[in-house]
Amino acid sequence: MNFKDLLLRAQNGDTQAIYIIMEIYKPLLLRESILNGVFDEDMYQELSITLVRCIRLFRIIPPEL
């Protein structure tokens, strides 16, 4: 399954698809949650919430024919 299909499934409420996308981006979320050399759990949670919102709001524009 490609990312576009996964994203569409997630947007339609497929929790497994949301979980897979979260796992794909987990290394980035973890890296961006380190502030002054210390892991900030609150930052990780906020970034995770933002990712879920982005999944919901992202619009795929079909290619022109």
Protein backbone atom coordinates (compact mmCIF):
# COMPACT_ATOMS: atom_id res chain seq x y z
CA MET A 1 0.00 0.00 0.00
CA ASN A 2 1.35 3.43 -0.88
CA PHE A 3 1.28 6.45 1.40
CA LYS A 4 -1.60 8.10 -0.45
CA ASP A 5 -3.85 5.07 0.15
CA LEU A 6 -2.75 4.93 3.76
CA LEU A 7 -3.53 8.61 4.22
CA LEU A 8 -6.98 8.25 2.65
CA ARG A 9 -7.75 5.31 4.95
CA ALA A 10 -6.61 7.35 7.96
CA GLN A 11 -8.77 10.28 6.90
CA ASN A 12 -11.73 7.92 6.73
CA GLY A 13 -11.23 6.92 10.36
CA ASP A 14 -9.12 3.77 9.99
CA THR A 15 -7.27 3.73 13.32
CA GLN A 16 -4.79 1.14 12.05
CA ALA A 17 -3.80 3.49 9.21
CA ILE A 18 -3.39 6.37 11.67
CA TYR A 19 -1.20 4.14 13.83
CA ILE A 20 0.98 3.19 10.85
CA ILE A 21 1.47 6.85 9.88
CA MET A 22 2.32 7.68 13.50
CA GLU A 23 4.94 4.92 13.49
CA ILE A 24 6.42 6.23 10.23
CA TYR A 25 6.86 9.68 11.74
CA LYS A 26 7.80 8.54 15.25
CA PRO A 27 11.58 9.04 14.78
CA LEU A 28 10.98 12.62 13.65
CA LEU A 29 8.59 13.32 16.52
CA LEU A 30 11.06 11.90 19.02
CA ARG A 31 13.96 13.91 17.60
CA GLU A 32 11.95 17.15 17.63
CA SER A 33 10.84 16.48 21.24
CA ILE A 34 14.35 16.80 22.60
CA LEU A 35 14.84 20.27 24.07
CA ASN A 36 18.23 21.25 25.51
CA GLY A 37 19.30 17.61 25.32
CA VAL A 38 16.31 16.36 27.34
CA PHE A 39 13.28 14.48 26.02
CA ASP A 40 10.14 16.55 26.65
CA GLU A 41 7.12 14.25 26.88
CA ASP A 42 4.68 17.15 26.64
CA MET A 43 6.30 18.30 23.39
CA TYR A 44 6.05 14.75 22.01
CA GLN A 45 2.35 14.65 22.86
CA GLU A 46 1.72 18.05 21.27
CA LEU A 47 3.58 17.05 18.11
CA SER A 48 1.61 13.80 17.95
CA ILE A 49 -1.68 15.69 18.25
CA THR A 50 -0.53 18.07 15.51
CA LEU A 51 0.32 15.14 13.25
CA VAL A 52 -3.16 13.64 13.72
CA ARG A 53 -4.70 17.02 12.89
CA CYS A 54 -2.55 17.26 9.77
CA ILE A 55 -3.69 13.80 8.70
CA ARG A 56 -7.31 14.93 8.98
CA LEU A 57 -6.83 18.27 7.21
CA PHE A 58 -4.45 17.30 4.40
CA ARG A 59 -6.11 17.45 0.99
CA ILE A 60 -4.85 15.39 -1.90
CA ILE A 61 -5.17 17.25 -5.18
CA PRO A 62 -5.75 14.91 -8.11
CA PRO A 63 -3.36 15.32 -11.03
CA GLU A 64 -4.71 17.14 -14.05
CA LEU A 65 -5.49 15.05 -17.08
